[in-house]
Amino acid sequence: MAILYALVARGSVVLAEFSATPTTANAIARQILEKIPGNVDSHVSYSQDRYIFHVKRTDGLTVLCMADDTAG
């Protein structure tokens, strides 16, 4: 399984970002960050086109990664 995109954020402020391929993942990731309440710990996954975004938020710190939907 290859991670094609990843970021770490505190609230909606991106602290670190990685992209292995040219996609619109950064725009989609920022939309996802805006939807998740900053004070609620969560672990969710979203599907967009052929990609799956996995999001884990703990104590306001968010880790988000994107993989091809065939990778899960």
PDB file of N, CA and C in Angstrom:
ATOM      1  N   MET A   1       0.837  -1.163   0.000  1.00  0.00           N
ATOM      2  CA  MET A   1       0.000   0.000   0.000  1.00  0.00           C
ATOM      3  C   MET A   1       0.888   1.235   0.000  1.00  0.00           C
ATOM      4  N   ALA A   2       0.617   2.134  -0.895  1.00  0.00           N
ATOM      5  CA  ALA A   2       1.389   3.367  -0.982  1.00  0.00           C
ATOM      6  C   ALA A   2       0.568   4.541  -0.464  1.00  0.00           C
ATOM      7  N   ILE A   3       1.180   5.348   0.371  1.00  0.00           N
ATOM      8  CA  ILE A   3       0.555   6.593   0.801  1.00  0.00           C
ATOM      9  C   ILE A   3       0.941   7.642  -0.232  1.00  0.00           C
ATOM     10  N   LEU A   4      -0.059   8.216  -0.883  1.00  0.00           N
ATOM     11  CA  LEU A   4       0.187   9.170  -1.956  1.00  0.00           C
ATOM     12  C   LEU A   4       0.242  10.607  -1.463  1.00  0.00           C
ATOM     13  N   TYR A   5      -0.382  10.867  -0.321  1.00  0.00           N
ATOM     14  CA  TYR A   5      -0.419  12.215   0.223  1.00  0.00           C
ATOM     15  C   TYR A   5      -0.594  12.102   1.730  1.00  0.00           C
ATOM     16  N   ALA A   6       0.021  13.008   2.467  1.00  0.00           N
ATOM     17  CA  ALA A   6      -0.139  13.025   3.921  1.00  0.00           C
ATOM     18  C   ALA A   6       0.068  14.432   4.444  1.00  0.00           C
ATOM     19  N   LEU A   7      -0.561  14.713   5.568  1.00  0.00           N
ATOM     20  CA  LEU A   7      -0.309  15.985   6.240  1.00  0.00           C
ATOM     21  C   LEU A   7      -0.497  15.820   7.731  1.00  0.00           C
ATOM     22  N   VAL A   8       0.101  16.752   8.463  1.00  0.00           N
ATOM     23  CA  VAL A   8      -0.084  16.881   9.906  1.00  0.00           C
ATOM     24  C   VAL A   8      -0.532  18.310  10.136  1.00  0.00           C
ATOM     25  N   ALA A   9      -1.574  18.488  10.942  1.00  0.00           N
ATOM     26  CA  ALA A   9      -2.104  19.829  11.187  1.00  0.00           C
ATOM     27  C   ALA A   9      -2.513  19.975  12.642  1.00  0.00           C
ATOM     28  N   ARG A  10      -2.479  21.204  13.116  1.00  0.00           N
ATOM     29  CA  ARG A  10      -3.057  21.544  14.416  1.00  0.00           C
ATOM     30  C   ARG A  10      -4.227  22.453  14.097  1.00  0.00           C
ATOM     31  N   GLY A  11      -5.434  21.964  14.390  1.00  0.00           N
ATOM     32  CA  GLY A  11      -6.629  22.689  13.949  1.00  0.00           C
ATOM     33  C   GLY A  11      -6.651  22.670  12.427  1.00  0.00           C
ATOM     34  N   SER A  12      -6.777  23.845  11.815  1.00  0.00           N
ATOM     35  CA  SER A  12      -6.756  23.914  10.352  1.00  0.00           C
ATOM     36  C   SER A  12      -5.414  24.407   9.814  1.00  0.00           C
ATOM     37  N   VAL A  13      -4.418  24.545  10.692  1.00  0.00           N
ATOM     38  CA  VAL A  13      -3.087  25.007  10.281  1.00  0.00           C
ATOM     39  C   VAL A  13      -2.218  23.800   9.940  1.00  0.00           C
ATOM     40  N   VAL A  14      -1.810  23.713   8.682  1.00  0.00           N
ATOM     41  CA  VAL A  14      -0.985  22.593   8.227  1.00  0.00           C
ATOM     42  C   VAL A  14       0.449  22.809   8.694  1.00  0.00           C
ATOM     43  N   LEU A  15       0.991  21.828   9.421  1.00  0.00           N
ATOM     44  CA  LEU A  15       2.351  21.907   9.946  1.00  0.00           C
ATOM     45  C   LEU A  15       3.360  21.212   9.045  1.00  0.00           C
ATOM     46  N   ALA A  16       2.936  20.133   8.387  1.00  0.00           N
ATOM     47  CA  ALA A  16       3.811  19.378   7.481  1.00  0.00           C
ATOM     48  C   ALA A  16       2.935  18.725   6.420  1.00  0.00           C
ATOM     49  N   GLU A  17       3.515  18.590   5.215  1.00  0.00           N
ATOM     50  CA  GLU A  17       2.744  18.047   4.101  1.00  0.00           C
ATOM     51  C   GLU A  17       3.667  17.286   3.161  1.00  0.00           C
ATOM     52  N   PHE A  18       3.162  16.187   2.591  1.00  0.00           N
ATOM     53  CA  PHE A  18       3.919  15.368   1.650  1.00  0.00           C
ATOM     54  C   PHE A  18       2.993  14.953   0.518  1.00  0.00           C
ATOM     55  N   SER A  19       3.489  15.004  -0.711  1.00  0.00           N
ATOM     56  CA  SER A  19       2.720  14.529  -1.856  1.00  0.00           C
ATOM     57  C   SER A  19       3.637  13.740  -2.775  1.00  0.00           C
ATOM     58  N   ALA A  20       3.260  12.495  -3.064  1.00  0.00           N
ATOM     59  CA  ALA A  20       4.066  11.636  -3.931  1.00  0.00           C
ATOM     60  C   ALA A  20       3.622  11.722  -5.382  1.00  0.00           C
ATOM     61  N   THR A  21       2.496  12.379  -5.632  1.00  0.00           N
ATOM     62  CA  THR A  21       1.953  12.448  -6.978  1.00  0.00           C
ATOM     63  C   THR A  21       1.177  13.750  -7.157  1.00  0.00           C
ATOM     64  N   PRO A  22       1.160  14.291  -8.355  1.00  0.00           N
ATOM     65  CA  PRO A  22       0.396  15.530  -8.571  1.00  0.00           C
ATOM     66  C   PRO A  22      -1.111  15.244  -8.601  1.00  0.00           C
ATOM     67  N   THR A  23      -1.810  15.664  -7.556  1.00  0.00           N
ATOM     68  CA  THR A  23      -3.261  15.503  -7.470  1.00  0.00           C
ATOM     69  C   THR A  23      -3.842  16.752  -6.819  1.00  0.00           C
ATOM     70  N   THR A  24      -5.139  16.763  -6.665  1.00  0.00           N
ATOM     71  CA  THR A  24      -5.802  17.851  -5.942  1.00  0.00           C
ATOM     72  C   THR A  24      -5.978  17.489  -4.471  1.00  0.00           C
ATOM     73  N   ALA A  25      -5.177  16.572  -3.998  1.00  0.00           N
ATOM     74  CA  ALA A  25      -5.305  16.079  -2.623  1.00  0.00           C
ATOM     75  C   ALA A  25      -5.184  17.191  -1.598  1.00  0.00           C
ATOM     76  N   ASN A  26      -4.306  18.154  -1.822  1.00  0.00           N
ATOM     77  CA  ASN A  26      -4.132  19.213  -0.821  1.00  0.00           C
ATOM     78  C   ASN A  26      -5.407  20.032  -0.655  1.00  0.00           C
ATOM     79  N   ALA A  27      -6.114  20.312  -1.731  1.00  0.00           N
ATOM     80  CA  ALA A  27      -7.366  21.061  -1.633  1.00  0.00           C
ATOM     81  C   ALA A  27      -8.440  20.239  -0.923  1.00  0.00           C
ATOM     82  N   ILE A  28      -8.527  18.965  -1.253  1.00  0.00           N
ATOM     83  CA  ILE A  28      -9.508  18.082  -0.614  1.00  0.00           C
ATOM     84  C   ILE A  28      -9.181  17.918   0.869  1.00  0.00           C
ATOM     85  N   ALA A  29      -7.905  17.760   1.187  1.00  0.00           N
ATOM     86  CA  ALA A  29      -7.484  17.602   2.580  1.00  0.00           C
ATOM     87  C   ALA A  29      -7.865  18.818   3.411  1.00  0.00           C
ATOM     88  N   ARG A  30      -7.706  19.995   2.862  1.00  0.00           N
ATOM     89  CA  ARG A  30      -8.056  21.208   3.598  1.00  0.00           C
ATOM     90  C   ARG A  30      -9.571  21.315   3.809  1.00  0.00           C
ATOM     91  N   GLN A  31     -10.351  20.851   2.853  1.00  0.00           N
ATOM     92  CA  GLN A  31     -11.804  20.817   3.033  1.00  0.00           C
ATOM     93  C   GLN A  31     -12.174  19.860   4.166  1.00  0.00           C
ATOM     94  N   ILE A  32     -11.503  18.730   4.216  1.00  0.00           N
ATOM     95  CA  ILE A  32     -11.752  17.760   5.286  1.00  0.00           C
ATOM     96  C   ILE A  32     -11.380  18.362   6.638  1.00  0.00           C
ATOM     97  N   LEU A  33     -10.247  19.050   6.711  1.00  0.00           N
ATOM     98  CA  LEU A  33      -9.821  19.675   7.971  1.00  0.00           C
ATOM     99  C   LEU A  33     -10.870  20.653   8.487  1.00  0.00           C
ATOM    100  N   GLU A  34     -11.483  21.398   7.583  1.00  0.00           N
ATOM    101  CA  GLU A  34     -12.491  22.382   7.982  1.00  0.00           C
ATOM    102  C   GLU A  34     -13.756  21.715   8.520  1.00  0.00           C
ATOM    103  N   LYS A  35     -14.045  20.498   8.084  1.00  0.00           N
ATOM    104  CA  LYS A  35     -15.268  19.803   8.492  1.00  0.00           C
ATOM    105  C   LYS A  35     -15.155  19.134   9.859  1.00  0.00           C
ATOM    106  N   ILE A  36     -13.953  18.824  10.298  1.00  0.00           N
ATOM    107  CA  ILE A  36     -13.770  18.100  11.558  1.00  0.00           C
ATOM    108  C   ILE A  36     -13.661  19.103  12.701  1.00  0.00           C
ATOM    109  N   PRO A  37     -14.532  19.006  13.706  1.00  0.00           N
ATOM    110  CA  PRO A  37     -14.442  19.923  14.845  1.00  0.00           C
ATOM    111  C   PRO A  37     -13.080  19.813  15.533  1.00  0.00           C
ATOM    112  N   GLY A  38     -12.490  20.946  15.884  1.00  0.00           N
ATOM    113  CA  GLY A  38     -11.149  20.974  16.453  1.00  0.00           C
ATOM    114  C   GLY A  38     -11.030  20.409  17.850  1.00  0.00           C
ATOM    115  N   ASN A  39     -12.134  20.342  18.579  1.00  0.00           N
ATOM    116  CA  ASN A  39     -12.057  19.892  19.970  1.00  0.00           C
ATOM    117  C   ASN A  39     -12.563  18.466  20.163  1.00  0.00           C
ATOM    118  N   VAL A  40     -12.786  17.744  19.074  1.00  0.00           N
ATOM    119  CA  VAL A  40     -13.319  16.385  19.165  1.00  0.00           C
ATOM    120  C   VAL A  40     -12.309  15.397  18.600  1.00  0.00           C
ATOM    121  N   ASP A  41     -11.889  14.432  19.410  1.00  0.00           N
ATOM    122  CA  ASP A  41     -11.016  13.369  18.900  1.00  0.00           C
ATOM    123  C   ASP A  41     -11.828  12.484  17.964  1.00  0.00           C
ATOM    124  N   SER A  42     -11.243  12.125  16.827  1.00  0.00           N
ATOM    125  CA  SER A  42     -11.983  11.308  15.868  1.00  0.00           C
ATOM    126  C   SER A  42     -11.035  10.477  15.021  1.00  0.00           C
ATOM    127  N   HIS A  43     -11.603   9.457  14.417  1.00  0.00           N
ATOM    128  CA  HIS A  43     -10.878   8.591  13.490  1.00  0.00           C
ATOM    129  C   HIS A  43     -11.880   8.226  12.405  1.00  0.00           C
ATOM    130  N   VAL A  44     -11.745   8.831  11.220  1.00  0.00           N
ATOM    131  CA  VAL A  44     -12.717   8.645  10.149  1.00  0.00           C
ATOM    132  C   VAL A  44     -12.004   8.441   8.820  1.00  0.00           C
ATOM    133  N   SER A  45     -12.756   7.962   7.842  1.00  0.00           N
ATOM    134  CA  SER A  45     -12.245   7.807   6.481  1.00  0.00           C
ATOM    135  C   SER A  45     -13.265   8.395   5.515  1.00  0.00           C
ATOM    136  N   TYR A  46     -12.763   9.036   4.468  1.00  0.00           N
ATOM    137  CA  TYR A  46     -13.607   9.628   3.435  1.00  0.00           C
ATOM    138  C   TYR A  46     -13.150   9.107   2.083  1.00  0.00           C
ATOM    139  N   SER A  47     -14.106   8.938   1.183  1.00  0.00           N
ATOM    140  CA  SER A  47     -13.800   8.493  -0.171  1.00  0.00           C
ATOM    141  C   SER A  47     -14.037   9.647  -1.138  1.00  0.00           C
ATOM    142  N   GLN A  48     -13.093   9.863  -2.041  1.00  0.00           N
ATOM    143  CA  GLN A  48     -13.210  10.906  -3.061  1.00  0.00           C
ATOM    144  C   GLN A  48     -12.602  10.369  -4.344  1.00  0.00           C
ATOM    145  N   ASP A  49     -13.406  10.278  -5.388  1.00  0.00           N
ATOM    146  CA  ASP A  49     -12.970   9.697  -6.657  1.00  0.00           C
ATOM    147  C   ASP A  49     -12.414   8.298  -6.389  1.00  0.00           C
ATOM    148  N   ARG A  50     -11.169   8.063  -6.729  1.00  0.00           N
ATOM    149  CA  ARG A  50     -10.584   6.727  -6.503  1.00  0.00           C
ATOM    150  C   ARG A  50      -9.634   6.702  -5.311  1.00  0.00           C
ATOM    151  N   TYR A  51      -9.758   7.686  -4.443  1.00  0.00           N
ATOM    152  CA  TYR A  51      -8.871   7.796  -3.287  1.00  0.00           C
ATOM    153  C   TYR A  51      -9.649   7.681  -1.984  1.00  0.00           C
ATOM    154  N   ILE A  52      -8.959   7.218  -0.954  1.00  0.00           N
ATOM    155  CA  ILE A  52      -9.520   7.186   0.394  1.00  0.00           C
ATOM    156  C   ILE A  52      -8.624   8.033   1.294  1.00  0.00           C
ATOM    157  N   PHE A  53      -9.245   8.924   2.042  1.00  0.00           N
ATOM    158  CA  PHE A  53      -8.551   9.778   2.996  1.00  0.00           C
ATOM    159  C   PHE A  53      -8.824   9.237   4.393  1.00  0.00           C
ATOM    160  N   HIS A  54      -7.781   8.887   5.107  1.00  0.00           N
ATOM    161  CA  HIS A  54      -7.893   8.419   6.485  1.00  0.00           C
ATOM    162  C   HIS A  54      -7.456   9.566   7.392  1.00  0.00           C
ATOM    163  N   VAL A  55      -8.271   9.873   8.394  1.00  0.00           N
ATOM    164  CA  VAL A  55      -8.023  11.022   9.261  1.00  0.00           C
ATOM    165  C   VAL A  55      -8.087  10.583  10.715  1.00  0.00           C
ATOM    166  N   LYS A  56      -7.066  10.958  11.473  1.00  0.00           N
ATOM    167  CA  LYS A  56      -7.029  10.683  12.921  1.00  0.00           C
ATOM    168  C   LYS A  56      -6.724  11.995  13.618  1.00  0.00           C
ATOM    169  N   ARG A  57      -7.635  12.430  14.486  1.00  0.00           N
ATOM    170  CA  ARG A  57      -7.428  13.662  15.249  1.00  0.00           C
ATOM    171  C   ARG A  57      -7.429  13.337  16.731  1.00  0.00           C
ATOM    172  N   THR A  58      -6.374  13.768  17.420  1.00  0.00           N
ATOM    173  CA  THR A  58      -6.239  13.576  18.861  1.00  0.00           C
ATOM    174  C   THR A  58      -5.700  14.862  19.473  1.00  0.00           C
ATOM    175  N   ASP A  59      -6.391  15.371  20.475  1.00  0.00           N
ATOM    176  CA  ASP A  59      -5.975  16.588  21.187  1.00  0.00           C
ATOM    177  C   ASP A  59      -5.680  17.743  20.235  1.00  0.00           C
ATOM    178  N   GLY A  60      -6.475  17.880  19.169  1.00  0.00           N
ATOM    179  CA  GLY A  60      -6.312  18.985  18.232  1.00  0.00           C
ATOM    180  C   GLY A  60      -5.266  18.762  17.166  1.00  0.00           C
ATOM    181  N   LEU A  61      -4.514  17.680  17.252  1.00  0.00           N
ATOM    182  CA  LEU A  61      -3.490  17.359  16.256  1.00  0.00           C
ATOM    183  C   LEU A  61      -4.068  16.339  15.279  1.00  0.00           C
ATOM    184  N   THR A  62      -3.974  16.638  13.987  1.00  0.00           N
ATOM    185  CA  THR A  62      -4.572  15.787  12.958  1.00  0.00           C
ATOM    186  C   THR A  62      -3.502  15.190  12.064  1.00  0.00           C
ATOM    187  N   VAL A  63      -3.628  13.897  11.808  1.00  0.00           N
ATOM    188  CA  VAL A  63      -2.807  13.211  10.806  1.00  0.00           C
ATOM    189  C   VAL A  63      -3.772  12.731   9.734  1.00  0.00           C
ATOM    190  N   LEU A  64      -3.510  13.102   8.498  1.00  0.00           N
ATOM    191  CA  LEU A  64      -4.362  12.730   7.373  1.00  0.00           C
ATOM    192  C   LEU A  64      -3.490  12.084   6.319  1.00  0.00           C
ATOM    193  N   CYS A  65      -3.939  10.976   5.762  1.00  0.00           N
ATOM    194  CA  CYS A  65      -3.206  10.368   4.657  1.00  0.00           C
ATOM    195  C   CYS A  65      -4.182   9.937   3.574  1.00  0.00           C
ATOM    196  N   MET A  66      -3.695   9.899   2.352  1.00  0.00           N
ATOM    197  CA  MET A  66      -4.505   9.516   1.208  1.00  0.00           C
ATOM    198  C   MET A  66      -3.849   8.329   0.523  1.00  0.00           C
ATOM    199  N   ALA A  67      -4.666   7.331   0.194  1.00  0.00           N
ATOM    200  CA  ALA A  67      -4.189   6.158  -0.531  1.00  0.00           C
ATOM    201  C   ALA A  67      -5.171   5.855  -1.653  1.00  0.00           C
ATOM    202  N   ASP A  68      -4.714   5.129  -2.640  1.00  0.00           N
ATOM    203  CA  ASP A  68      -5.588   4.665  -3.711  1.00  0.00           C
ATOM    204  C   ASP A  68      -6.631   3.736  -3.107  1.00  0.00           C
ATOM    205  N   ASP A  69      -7.859   3.771  -3.611  1.00  0.00           N
ATOM    206  CA  ASP A  69      -8.916   2.961  -3.002  1.00  0.00           C
ATOM    207  C   ASP A  69      -8.677   1.459  -3.117  1.00  0.00           C
ATOM    208  N   THR A  70      -7.814   1.034  -4.016  1.00  0.00           N
ATOM    209  CA  THR A  70      -7.485  -0.392  -4.097  1.00  0.00           C
ATOM    210  C   THR A  70      -6.578  -0.815  -2.951  1.00  0.00           C
ATOM    211  N   ALA A  71      -5.880   0.161  -2.357  1.00  0.00           N
ATOM    212  CA  ALA A  71      -4.985  -0.133  -1.237  1.00  0.00           C
ATOM    213  C   ALA A  71      -5.738  -0.163   0.087  1.00  0.00           C
ATOM    214  N   GLY A  72      -6.875   0.544   0.136  1.00  0.00           N
ATOM    215  CA  GLY A  72      -7.657   0.586   1.388  1.00  0.00           C
ATOM    216  C   GLY A  72      -7.086   1.599   2.245  1.00  0.00           C
TER     217      GLY A  72
END
